[in-house]
């Protein structure tokens, strides 16, 4: 597969899907997506933007972000592996969807019984 922006050839581990397009890490950063799940500045700007636009729940999310969010919300908690299996996603695809969900404070990750679970916030 190739990056949709720079056309660089990528392996699955090097690719990120964002808004339905495949990106390499450099191009993903160029389009303004932080690759860090825990990024205080991105969290501040994303939550402020959602509040300013009156967005709650899955409003304003792309299709895959909404599917991940609704799946976790319906179960109350889910591991990354459960989400990947249920939604047919690769790890890089899931991680690319989780970043905006975490920055928007819709999901967070917590430890329970030596396992990490994604849980809805609020």
Protein backbone atom coordinates (compact mmCIF):
# COMPACT_ATOMS: atom_id res chain seq x y z
CA UNK A 1 0.00 0.00 0.00
CA UNK A 2 1.10 3.60 -0.55
CA UNK A 3 0.71 6.81 1.41
CA UNK A 4 -2.17 8.80 -0.11
CA UNK A 5 -0.21 12.03 0.28
CA UNK A 6 3.44 11.32 -0.62
CA UNK A 7 2.89 7.98 -2.40
CA UNK A 8 5.64 6.28 -0.35
CA UNK A 9 5.31 2.49 -0.24
CA UNK A 10 4.28 1.32 3.23
CA UNK A 11 3.97 -1.93 5.14
CA UNK A 12 0.90 -2.45 7.32
CA UNK A 13 2.92 -1.53 10.44
CA UNK A 14 4.00 1.76 8.84
CA UNK A 15 0.54 2.83 7.67
CA UNK A 16 -2.15 4.83 9.44
CA UNK A 17 -5.72 5.24 8.25
CA UNK A 18 -7.20 8.65 8.96
CA UNK A 19 -10.51 9.83 7.53
CA UNK A 20 -10.53 6.93 5.10
CA UNK A 21 -7.07 7.60 3.66
CA UNK A 22 -3.76 5.79 4.23
CA UNK A 23 -0.87 7.94 5.49
CA UNK A 24 2.74 7.43 6.51
CA UNK A 25 3.70 8.82 9.92
CA UNK A 26 5.26 12.01 8.49
CA UNK A 27 2.27 12.87 6.32
CA UNK A 28 -0.13 12.12 9.16
CA UNK A 29 1.68 14.69 11.30
CA UNK A 30 1.64 17.13 8.39
CA UNK A 31 -2.16 16.94 8.23
CA UNK A 32 -2.22 17.85 11.91
CA UNK A 33 -2.88 14.59 13.70
CA UNK A 34 -0.76 13.98 16.77
CA UNK A 35 0.33 10.34 17.01
CA UNK A 36 0.45 10.47 20.80
CA UNK A 37 -2.57 9.21 22.69
CA UNK A 38 -1.61 11.28 25.72
CA UNK A 39 -1.04 14.78 24.36
CA UNK A 40 -2.35 17.55 26.66
CA UNK A 41 -2.33 20.26 23.98
CA UNK A 42 -4.23 18.10 21.49
CA UNK A 43 -6.69 17.13 24.21
CA UNK A 44 -7.29 20.78 25.08
CA UNK A 45 -7.80 21.86 21.47
CA UNK A 46 -9.98 18.88 20.52
CA UNK A 47 -12.26 19.14 23.57
CA UNK A 48 -12.53 22.92 23.17
CA UNK A 49 -13.43 22.51 19.49
CA UNK A 50 -16.12 19.92 20.28
CA UNK A 51 -17.62 22.16 22.99
CA UNK A 52 -17.56 25.18 20.70
CA UNK A 53 -19.50 23.22 18.06
CA UNK A 54 -21.88 21.70 20.61
CA UNK A 55 -20.77 18.16 19.75
CA UNK A 56 -21.45 15.36 22.21
CA UNK A 57 -21.17 11.58 21.91
CA UNK A 58 -20.33 10.43 18.41
CA UNK A 59 -21.34 13.73 16.75
CA UNK A 60 -18.54 15.05 14.55
CA UNK A 61 -16.64 11.75 14.39
CA UNK A 62 -15.77 10.00 11.16
CA UNK A 63 -17.43 6.64 10.47
CA UNK A 64 -14.67 4.45 11.94
CA UNK A 65 -14.17 6.64 15.02
CA UNK A 66 -17.92 6.44 15.65
CA UNK A 67 -17.94 2.64 15.23
CA UNK A 68 -15.08 2.25 17.74
CA UNK A 69 -16.69 4.68 20.19
CA UNK A 70 -20.16 3.09 19.95
CA UNK A 71 -18.69 -0.43 20.35
CA UNK A 72 -16.81 0.52 23.53
CA UNK A 73 -19.78 2.47 24.85
CA UNK A 74 -22.18 -0.44 24.24
CA UNK A 75 -19.92 -2.89 26.10
CA UNK A 76 -18.88 -0.49 28.86
CA UNK A 77 -15.26 -1.54 28.37
CA UNK A 78 -13.25 -3.36 25.72
CA UNK A 79 -9.69 -4.38 25.07
CA UNK A 80 -7.95 -3.26 21.90
CA UNK A 81 -7.92 -6.88 20.77
CA UNK A 82 -11.71 -7.16 21.16
CA UNK A 83 -12.23 -4.01 19.10
CA UNK A 84 -9.85 -5.15 16.36
CA UNK A 85 -11.55 -8.55 16.17
CA UNK A 86 -15.11 -7.23 16.25
CA UNK A 87 -14.55 -4.37 13.77
CA UNK A 88 -12.02 -6.14 11.54
CA UNK A 89 -9.26 -3.59 12.09
CA UNK A 90 -5.48 -3.84 12.16
CA UNK A 91 -3.56 -2.46 15.15
CA UNK A 92 -2.32 0.66 13.25
CA UNK A 93 -5.86 1.36 12.01
CA UNK A 94 -7.27 1.09 15.52
CA UNK A 95 -4.55 3.28 17.00
CA UNK A 96 -5.22 5.96 14.39
CA UNK A 97 -8.92 5.94 15.38
CA UNK A 98 -8.22 5.94 19.13
CA UNK A 99 -6.03 9.04 19.10
CA UNK A 100 -8.82 11.52 18.23
CA UNK A 101 -11.23 9.67 20.55
CA UNK A 102 -8.81 10.04 23.44
CA UNK A 103 -7.96 13.65 22.56
CA UNK A 104 -11.68 14.45 22.49
CA UNK A 105 -12.02 12.82 25.93
CA UNK A 106 -14.58 10.31 24.67
CA UNK A 107 -12.50 7.25 25.62
CA UNK A 108 -9.71 6.56 28.08
CA UNK A 109 -7.71 3.48 28.92
CA UNK A 110 -7.53 1.94 32.37
CA UNK A 111 -5.99 -1.11 33.94
CA UNK A 112 -8.17 -3.83 35.46
CA UNK A 113 -6.98 -7.29 36.52
CA UNK A 114 -3.64 -6.79 34.76
CA UNK A 115 -5.41 -5.98 31.44
CA UNK A 116 -5.87 -2.64 29.70
CA UNK A 117 -9.43 -1.66 28.82
CA UNK A 118 -10.80 1.22 26.81
CA UNK A 119 -13.76 2.80 28.58
CA UNK A 120 -16.10 5.66 27.67
CA UNK A 121 -15.70 8.88 29.62
CA UNK A 122 -18.80 10.35 31.17
